[in-house]
Amino acid sequence: MKAIWNNTVLAESNDTVVVENNHYFPADSINREFFEDSIAHTTCPWKGRASYYSVRVNGELNKDAAWYYPEPKDAAKQIEGRVAFWKGVQVQP
């Protein structure tokens, strides 16, 4: 699977985990040069507290376009150390 935004591959892996129709990519499969830490956080009742990355490609910023769970609850341990995408990021084979 590939995560693509602004004609650029942000992440690529044959080992994604699908939860709630989102592909979670291993953290070591993302191209870190395009990722910036965000101060945003949200909470899911069964997954826990999510943290976000903004994505910057060719000078364009996609704020909070990727998220991850640094310490997921037990029910979501399979996505620990993984990153998922939204906000126009295309995830495709």
Protein backbone atom coordinates (compact mmCIF):
# COMPACT_ATOMS: atom_id res chain seq x y z
CA MET A 1 0.00 0.00 0.00
CA LYS A 2 1.04 3.59 -0.63
CA ALA A 3 -0.04 6.83 0.99
CA ILE A 4 0.17 9.64 -1.56
CA TRP A 5 -0.42 13.39 -1.27
CA ASN A 6 0.56 16.19 -3.63
CA ASN A 7 1.95 13.58 -6.07
CA THR A 8 4.41 12.38 -3.43
CA VAL A 9 4.62 9.00 -1.67
CA LEU A 10 4.42 9.65 2.07
CA ALA A 11 4.52 5.99 3.11
CA GLU A 12 4.78 2.59 1.45
CA SER A 13 4.43 -0.87 2.97
CA ASN A 14 3.17 -4.39 2.34
CA ASP A 15 2.42 -4.63 6.07
CA THR A 16 -0.52 -2.36 6.87
CA VAL A 17 -3.14 -3.07 9.53
CA VAL A 18 -6.71 -2.06 8.67
CA VAL A 19 -8.86 -0.69 11.51
CA GLU A 20 -12.14 1.10 10.82
CA ASN A 21 -11.31 1.24 7.10
CA ASN A 22 -7.99 3.02 7.73
CA HIS A 23 -4.66 1.51 6.74
CA TYR A 24 -2.11 1.89 9.52
CA PHE A 25 1.44 1.91 8.12
CA PRO A 26 4.49 0.88 10.16
CA ALA A 27 6.22 3.99 11.52
CA ASP A 28 9.46 3.01 9.78
CA SER A 29 7.69 3.02 6.38
CA ILE A 30 6.89 6.75 6.40
CA ASN A 31 9.14 9.24 4.63
CA ARG A 32 9.96 11.36 7.69
CA GLU A 33 11.22 14.31 5.66
CA PHE A 34 7.57 15.22 4.90
CA PHE A 35 6.25 14.95 8.49
CA GLU A 36 6.05 17.62 11.18
CA ASP A 37 4.88 17.07 14.75
CA SER A 38 1.52 18.64 15.58
CA ILE A 39 0.14 19.75 18.92
CA ALA A 40 -3.27 18.23 18.03
CA HIS A 41 -4.71 15.32 19.99
CA THR A 42 -8.00 13.47 19.95
CA THR A 43 -9.36 10.64 22.05
CA CYS A 44 -11.06 7.46 20.90
CA PRO A 45 -13.01 5.52 23.55
CA TRP A 46 -11.47 2.17 22.58
CA LYS A 47 -8.15 3.11 20.93
CA GLY A 48 -6.97 5.82 23.30
CA ARG A 49 -5.31 9.20 22.73
CA ALA A 50 -4.18 9.98 19.19
CA SER A 51 -1.33 12.30 18.24
CA TYR A 52 -0.97 13.94 14.84
CA TYR A 53 1.55 14.86 12.19
CA SER A 54 1.14 17.59 9.61
CA VAL A 55 2.51 16.83 6.16
CA ARG A 56 4.51 19.32 4.09
CA VAL A 57 5.27 18.61 0.43
CA ASN A 58 6.64 21.13 -2.08
CA GLY A 59 5.88 23.99 0.32
CA GLU A 60 2.23 22.96 0.79
CA LEU A 61 1.01 22.06 4.27
CA ASN A 62 -1.67 19.46 5.03
CA LYS A 63 -2.35 20.13 8.71
CA ASP A 64 -2.89 17.09 10.95
CA ALA A 65 -3.12 14.76 7.93
CA ALA A 66 -1.66 11.73 9.73
CA TRP A 67 -2.29 10.27 13.16
CA TYR A 68 -0.95 7.60 15.46
CA TYR A 69 -1.53 6.21 18.92
CA PRO A 70 1.68 6.40 21.00
CA GLU A 71 0.11 4.31 23.78
CA PRO A 72 -3.01 2.59 22.44
CA LYS A 73 -5.40 0.85 24.76
CA ASP A 74 -5.23 -2.95 24.91
CA ALA A 75 -8.04 -3.35 22.36
CA ALA A 76 -5.94 -1.47 19.77
CA LYS A 77 -2.44 -2.82 20.45
CA GLN A 78 -2.21 -3.98 16.81
CA ILE A 79 -1.82 -0.33 15.69
CA GLU A 80 0.93 0.58 18.15
CA GLY A 81 3.89 2.02 16.24
CA ARG A 82 1.74 2.69 13.15
CA VAL A 83 0.52 5.77 11.28
CA ALA A 84 -2.76 6.36 9.39
CA PHE A 85 -3.86 9.12 7.01
CA TRP A 86 -6.83 11.30 6.00
CA LYS A 87 -7.47 14.86 4.70
CA GLY A 88 -6.97 14.07 1.04
CA VAL A 89 -4.10 11.61 1.40
CA GLN A 90 -4.83 8.79 -1.05
CA VAL A 91 -4.13 5.27 0.24
CA GLN A 92 -3.96 2.78 -2.61
CA PRO A 93 -2.29 -0.47 -3.67
